[in-house]
């Protein structure tokens, strides 16, 4: 009985703040905006997937883990080799010299931020889920590479793998190394 009496006492003490109704209207409006935004995101995602299917080689790009339709916007003919694709994403291992002074090395500032983000995030997630990628990451860390440098090295390897898949028109298959 004590519990029921306590609940009844708390029910009797309820008060409503002066701006409660206005706050409820604001929250309801924000919730409807979030739902509308979610619907727009779903529609945009559907458009991206449909556009990806029109790419000449969607199965090959989609077969590589953690790359999928978001990368499918470009044409392989635009790049002559894997190094050019890596350079466009600023994943090349050689910094540029300015030309006027020696030893004044700086990284490229004009590159595709979208490509770099795609390959970087792809490398980071593949490092978590794939053993060969994790082994390469730990190998690079053992060579005194910082975390970002090791992930960029892994991303560069993934560029080479994707390029080979596109060149030979093969689907990616994960092969476990034989010990």
C-alpha atoms as a PDB file:
ATOM      1  CA  UNK A   1       0.000   0.000   0.000  1.00  0.00           C
ATOM      2  CA  UNK A   2       2.832   2.370   0.684  1.00  0.00           C
ATOM      3  CA  UNK A   3       4.000   2.233  -2.928  1.00  0.00           C
ATOM      4  CA  UNK A   4       0.516   2.984  -4.245  1.00  0.00           C
ATOM      5  CA  UNK A   5       0.137   5.893  -1.816  1.00  0.00           C
ATOM      6  CA  UNK A   6       3.502   7.306  -2.899  1.00  0.00           C
ATOM      7  CA  UNK A   7       2.511   7.086  -6.570  1.00  0.00           C
ATOM      8  CA  UNK A   8      -0.823   8.789  -5.827  1.00  0.00           C
ATOM      9  CA  UNK A   9       0.975  11.549  -3.915  1.00  0.00           C
ATOM     10  CA  UNK A  10       3.383  12.190  -6.784  1.00  0.00           C
ATOM     11  CA  UNK A  11       0.507  12.262  -9.286  1.00  0.00           C
ATOM     12  CA  UNK A  12      -1.215  14.920  -7.179  1.00  0.00           C
ATOM     13  CA  UNK A  13       1.910  17.090  -7.124  1.00  0.00           C
ATOM     14  CA  UNK A  14       2.345  17.398 -10.895  1.00  0.00           C
ATOM     15  CA  UNK A  15       2.799  20.896 -12.205  1.00  0.00           C
ATOM     16  CA  UNK A  16       3.229  22.099 -15.742  1.00  0.00           C
ATOM     17  CA  UNK A  17       5.889  24.702 -16.518  1.00  0.00           C
ATOM     18  CA  UNK A  18       4.749  27.852 -18.252  1.00  0.00           C
ATOM     19  CA  UNK A  19       6.435  27.040 -21.603  1.00  0.00           C
ATOM     20  CA  UNK A  20       5.590  23.343 -21.736  1.00  0.00           C
ATOM     21  CA  UNK A  21       3.107  23.624 -24.623  1.00  0.00           C
ATOM     22  CA  UNK A  22       5.438  25.778 -26.700  1.00  0.00           C
ATOM     23  CA  UNK A  23       8.310  23.389 -26.037  1.00  0.00           C
ATOM     24  CA  UNK A  24       6.104  20.473 -27.108  1.00  0.00           C
ATOM     25  CA  UNK A  25       5.270  22.272 -30.368  1.00  0.00           C
ATOM     26  CA  UNK A  26       8.947  22.971 -31.033  1.00  0.00           C
ATOM     27  CA  UNK A  27       9.886  19.346 -30.350  1.00  0.00           C
ATOM     28  CA  UNK A  28       7.100  18.111 -32.625  1.00  0.00           C
ATOM     29  CA  UNK A  29       8.250  20.479 -35.386  1.00  0.00           C
ATOM     30  CA  UNK A  30      11.866  19.340 -35.035  1.00  0.00           C
ATOM     31  CA  UNK A  31      10.786  15.696 -35.116  1.00  0.00           C
ATOM     32  CA  UNK A  32       8.829  16.237 -38.337  1.00  0.00           C
ATOM     33  CA  UNK A  33      11.852  17.992 -39.885  1.00  0.00           C
ATOM     34  CA  UNK A  34      14.090  15.079 -38.909  1.00  0.00           C
ATOM     35  CA  UNK A  35      11.659  12.598 -40.448  1.00  0.00           C
ATOM     36  CA  UNK A  36      11.533  14.659 -43.663  1.00  0.00           C
ATOM     37  CA  UNK A  37      15.338  14.792 -43.744  1.00  0.00           C
ATOM     38  CA  UNK A  38      15.504  11.037 -43.237  1.00  0.00           C
ATOM     39  CA  UNK A  39      13.150  10.588 -46.194  1.00  0.00           C
ATOM     40  CA  UNK A  40      15.370  12.859 -48.343  1.00  0.00           C
ATOM     41  CA  UNK A  41      18.483  10.914 -47.343  1.00  0.00           C
ATOM     42  CA  UNK A  42      16.779   7.646 -48.258  1.00  0.00           C
ATOM     43  CA  UNK A  43      15.802   9.067 -51.654  1.00  0.00           C
ATOM     44  CA  UNK A  44      19.317  10.357 -52.299  1.00  0.00           C
ATOM     45  CA  UNK A  45      20.791   7.000 -51.313  1.00  0.00           C
ATOM     46  CA  UNK A  46      18.452   5.308 -53.781  1.00  0.00           C
ATOM     47  CA  UNK A  47      19.549   7.713 -56.544  1.00  0.00           C
ATOM     48  CA  UNK A  48      23.219   7.010 -55.776  1.00  0.00           C
ATOM     49  CA  UNK A  49      22.635   3.266 -56.029  1.00  0.00           C
ATOM     50  CA  UNK A  50      20.732   3.644 -59.315  1.00  0.00           C
ATOM     51  CA  UNK A  51      23.492   5.827 -60.753  1.00  0.00           C
ATOM     52  CA  UNK A  52      26.074   3.318 -59.557  1.00  0.00           C
ATOM     53  CA  UNK A  53      24.298   0.544 -61.452  1.00  0.00           C
ATOM     54  CA  UNK A  54      24.805   2.505 -64.697  1.00  0.00           C
ATOM     55  CA  UNK A  55      28.593   2.442 -64.181  1.00  0.00           C
ATOM     56  CA  UNK A  56      30.376   0.141 -66.677  1.00  0.00           C
ATOM     57  CA  UNK A  57      31.751  -2.114 -63.926  1.00  0.00           C
ATOM     58  CA  UNK A  58      29.505  -1.883 -60.857  1.00  0.00           C
ATOM     59  CA  UNK A  59      29.940  -5.518 -59.830  1.00  0.00           C
ATOM     60  CA  UNK A  60      33.720  -5.202 -59.655  1.00  0.00           C
ATOM     61  CA  UNK A  61      33.736  -2.003 -57.602  1.00  0.00           C
ATOM     62  CA  UNK A  62      30.907  -3.257 -55.394  1.00  0.00           C
ATOM     63  CA  UNK A  63      32.709  -6.538 -54.745  1.00  0.00           C
ATOM     64  CA  UNK A  64      35.572  -4.837 -52.949  1.00  0.00           C
ATOM     65  CA  UNK A  65      34.733  -4.704 -49.246  1.00  0.00           C
ATOM     66  CA  UNK A  66      33.919  -1.300 -47.773  1.00  0.00           C
ATOM     67  CA  UNK A  67      34.012   0.633 -51.071  1.00  0.00           C
ATOM     68  CA  UNK A  68      30.624   0.032 -52.687  1.00  0.00           C
ATOM     69  CA  UNK A  69      28.505   2.485 -54.635  1.00  0.00           C
ATOM     70  CA  UNK A  70      29.897   5.674 -53.178  1.00  0.00           C
ATOM     71  CA  UNK A  71      33.092   5.335 -55.225  1.00  0.00           C
ATOM     72  CA  UNK A  72      31.396   4.462 -58.496  1.00  0.00           C
ATOM     73  CA  UNK A  73      31.294   7.979 -59.874  1.00  0.00           C
ATOM     74  CA  UNK A  74      34.516   8.078 -61.864  1.00  0.00           C
ATOM     75  CA  UNK A  75      35.810   6.551 -65.072  1.00  0.00           C
ATOM     76  CA  UNK A  76      38.934   4.408 -65.056  1.00  0.00           C
ATOM     77  CA  UNK A  77      39.998   5.793 -68.447  1.00  0.00           C
ATOM     78  CA  UNK A  78      40.543   9.176 -66.797  1.00  0.00           C
ATOM     79  CA  UNK A  79      43.568   7.753 -64.955  1.00  0.00           C
ATOM     80  CA  UNK A  80      46.378   6.016 -66.854  1.00  0.00           C
ATOM     81  CA  UNK A  81      47.527   3.859 -63.970  1.00  0.00           C
ATOM     82  CA  UNK A  82      46.915   3.151 -60.302  1.00  0.00           C
ATOM     83  CA  UNK A  83      49.524   5.717 -59.273  1.00  0.00           C
ATOM     84  CA  UNK A  84      47.558   8.466 -60.992  1.00  0.00           C
ATOM     85  CA  UNK A  85      44.389   7.452 -59.150  1.00  0.00           C
ATOM     86  CA  UNK A  86      46.327   7.382 -55.873  1.00  0.00           C
ATOM     87  CA  UNK A  87      47.831  10.775 -56.657  1.00  0.00           C
ATOM     88  CA  UNK A  88      44.389  12.208 -57.399  1.00  0.00           C
ATOM     89  CA  UNK A  89      43.356  11.050 -53.925  1.00  0.00           C
ATOM     90  CA  UNK A  90      46.651  12.312 -52.400  1.00  0.00           C
ATOM     91  CA  UNK A  91      47.633   8.804 -51.390  1.00  0.00           C
ATOM     92  CA  UNK A  92      50.966   8.886 -53.194  1.00  0.00           C
ATOM     93  CA  UNK A  93      53.936   8.301 -50.969  1.00  0.00           C
ATOM     94  CA  UNK A  94      56.207  10.978 -52.444  1.00  0.00           C
ATOM     95  CA  UNK A  95      55.691  14.594 -51.415  1.00  0.00           C
ATOM     96  CA  UNK A  96      56.206  17.258 -54.093  1.00  0.00           C
ATOM     97  CA  UNK A  97      59.211  19.572 -54.209  1.00  0.00           C
ATOM     98  CA  UNK A  98      58.524  23.215 -54.918  1.00  0.00           C
ATOM     99  CA  UNK A  99      61.090  23.419 -57.736  1.00  0.00           C
ATOM    100  CA  UNK A 100      62.850  26.536 -56.499  1.00  0.00           C
ATOM    101  CA  UNK A 101      64.477  25.142 -53.398  1.00  0.00           C
ATOM    102  CA  UNK A 102      65.630  21.670 -52.590  1.00  0.00           C
ATOM    103  CA  UNK A 103      64.498  20.008 -49.419  1.00  0.00           C
ATOM    104  CA  UNK A 104      61.343  22.121 -49.254  1.00  0.00           C
ATOM    105  CA  UNK A 105      58.940  19.213 -49.532  1.00  0.00           C
ATOM    106  CA  UNK A 106      55.206  19.754 -49.251  1.00  0.00           C
ATOM    107  CA  UNK A 107      52.150  17.650 -49.924  1.00  0.00           C
ATOM    108  CA  UNK A 108      49.827  18.215 -52.820  1.00  0.00           C
ATOM    109  CA  UNK A 109      47.021  20.663 -52.018  1.00  0.00           C
ATOM    110  CA  UNK A 110      44.902  20.041 -55.111  1.00  0.00           C
ATOM    111  CA  UNK A 111      43.425  16.584 -54.844  1.00  0.00           C
ATOM    112  CA  UNK A 112      40.020  14.973 -54.656  1.00  0.00           C
ATOM    113  CA  UNK A 113      39.016  15.138 -51.012  1.00  0.00           C
ATOM    114  CA  UNK A 114      36.110  12.803 -51.785  1.00  0.00           C
ATOM    115  CA  UNK A 115      38.394  10.091 -53.195  1.00  0.00           C
ATOM    116  CA  UNK A 116      40.813  10.458 -50.300  1.00  0.00           C
ATOM    117  CA  UNK A 117      38.014  10.137 -47.769  1.00  0.00           C
ATOM    118  CA  UNK A 118      36.586   7.089 -49.543  1.00  0.00           C
ATOM    119  CA  UNK A 119      39.890   5.229 -49.642  1.00  0.00           C
ATOM    120  CA  UNK A 120      40.953   6.358 -46.154  1.00  0.00           C
ATOM    121  CA  UNK A 121      37.698   5.280 -44.492  1.00  0.00           C
ATOM    122  CA  UNK A 122      37.671   2.091 -46.547  1.00  0.00           C
ATOM    123  CA  UNK A 123      41.188   1.293 -45.364  1.00  0.00           C
ATOM    124  CA  UNK A 124      40.346   2.103 -41.779  1.00  0.00           C
ATOM    125  CA  UNK A 125      37.290  -0.144 -41.667  1.00  0.00           C
ATOM    126  CA  UNK A 126      38.970  -2.937 -43.617  1.00  0.00           C
ATOM    127  CA  UNK A 127      41.824  -2.819 -41.133  1.00  0.00           C
ATOM    128  CA  UNK A 128      39.358  -3.546 -38.363  1.00  0.00           C
ATOM    129  CA  UNK A 129      37.572  -6.394 -40.140  1.00  0.00           C
ATOM    130  CA  UNK A 130      40.146  -8.005 -42.433  1.00  0.00           C
ATOM    131  CA  UNK A 131      43.172  -9.945 -41.257  1.00  0.00           C
ATOM    132  CA  UNK A 132      45.558  -9.226 -44.189  1.00  0.00           C
ATOM    133  CA  UNK A 133      44.790  -5.524 -43.924  1.00  0.00           C
ATOM    134  CA  UNK A 134      45.297  -5.560 -40.174  1.00  0.00           C
ATOM    135  CA  UNK A 135      48.615  -7.375 -40.659  1.00  0.00           C
ATOM    136  CA  UNK A 136      49.801  -4.714 -43.116  1.00  0.00           C
ATOM    137  CA  UNK A 137      48.729  -1.987 -40.693  1.00  0.00           C
ATOM    138  CA  UNK A 138      50.651  -3.580 -37.806  1.00  0.00           C
ATOM    139  CA  UNK A 139      53.648  -4.140 -40.095  1.00  0.00           C
ATOM    140  CA  UNK A 140      53.689  -0.446 -41.006  1.00  0.00           C
ATOM    141  CA  UNK A 141      53.262   0.524 -37.354  1.00  0.00           C
ATOM    142  CA  UNK A 142      56.245  -1.732 -36.606  1.00  0.00           C
ATOM    143  CA  UNK A 143      58.243   0.325 -39.123  1.00  0.00           C
ATOM    144  CA  UNK A 144      57.594   3.384 -36.899  1.00  0.00           C
ATOM    145  CA  UNK A 145      54.810   4.774 -39.085  1.00  0.00           C
ATOM    146  CA  UNK A 146      52.262   6.873 -37.271  1.00  0.00           C
ATOM    147  CA  UNK A 147      48.625   5.725 -37.340  1.00  0.00           C
ATOM    148  CA  UNK A 148      47.624   8.059 -40.182  1.00  0.00           C
ATOM    149  CA  UNK A 149      50.672   7.090 -42.254  1.00  0.00           C
ATOM    150  CA  UNK A 150      49.942   3.384 -41.793  1.00  0.00           C
ATOM    151  CA  UNK A 151      46.292   3.832 -42.791  1.00  0.00           C
ATOM    152  CA  UNK A 152      47.350   5.824 -45.871  1.00  0.00           C
ATOM    153  CA  UNK A 153      49.754   3.005 -46.821  1.00  0.00           C
ATOM    154  CA  UNK A 154      46.870   0.553 -46.486  1.00  0.00           C
ATOM    155  CA  UNK A 155      44.633   2.848 -48.537  1.00  0.00           C
ATOM    156  CA  UNK A 156      47.283   2.958 -51.255  1.00  0.00           C
ATOM    157  CA  UNK A 157      47.350  -0.828 -51.333  1.00  0.00           C
ATOM    158  CA  UNK A 158      43.563  -0.860 -51.688  1.00  0.00           C
ATOM    159  CA  UNK A 159      43.870   1.538 -54.642  1.00  0.00           C
ATOM    160  CA  UNK A 160      46.262  -0.930 -56.285  1.00  0.00           C
ATOM    161  CA  UNK A 161      43.898  -3.840 -55.618  1.00  0.00           C
ATOM    162  CA  UNK A 162      40.907  -1.952 -57.015  1.00  0.00           C
ATOM    163  CA  UNK A 163      42.917  -0.929 -60.070  1.00  0.00           C
ATOM    164  CA  UNK A 164      43.975  -4.540 -60.710  1.00  0.00           C
ATOM    165  CA  UNK A 165      40.382  -5.727 -60.348  1.00  0.00           C
ATOM    166  CA  UNK A 166      39.183  -3.146 -62.867  1.00  0.00           C
ATOM    167  CA  UNK A 167      42.028  -3.834 -65.302  1.00  0.00           C
ATOM    168  CA  UNK A 168      41.545  -7.615 -65.329  1.00  0.00           C
ATOM    169  CA  UNK A 169      37.746  -7.395 -64.948  1.00  0.00           C
ATOM    170  CA  UNK A 170      37.695  -9.682 -61.924  1.00  0.00           C
ATOM    171  CA  UNK A 171      35.463  -9.783 -58.866  1.00  0.00           C
ATOM    172  CA  UNK A 172      37.153  -9.382 -55.482  1.00  0.00           C
ATOM    173  CA  UNK A 173      37.423 -12.588 -53.488  1.00  0.00           C
ATOM    174  CA  UNK A 174      38.943 -12.689 -50.044  1.00  0.00           C
ATOM    175  CA  UNK A 175      41.664 -15.317 -49.993  1.00  0.00           C
ATOM    176  CA  UNK A 176      42.936 -16.391 -46.632  1.00  0.00           C
ATOM    177  CA  UNK A 177      46.736 -16.726 -46.625  1.00  0.00           C
ATOM    178  CA  UNK A 178      48.077 -20.241 -46.220  1.00  0.00           C
ATOM    179  CA  UNK A 179      50.397 -20.499 -43.234  1.00  0.00           C
END
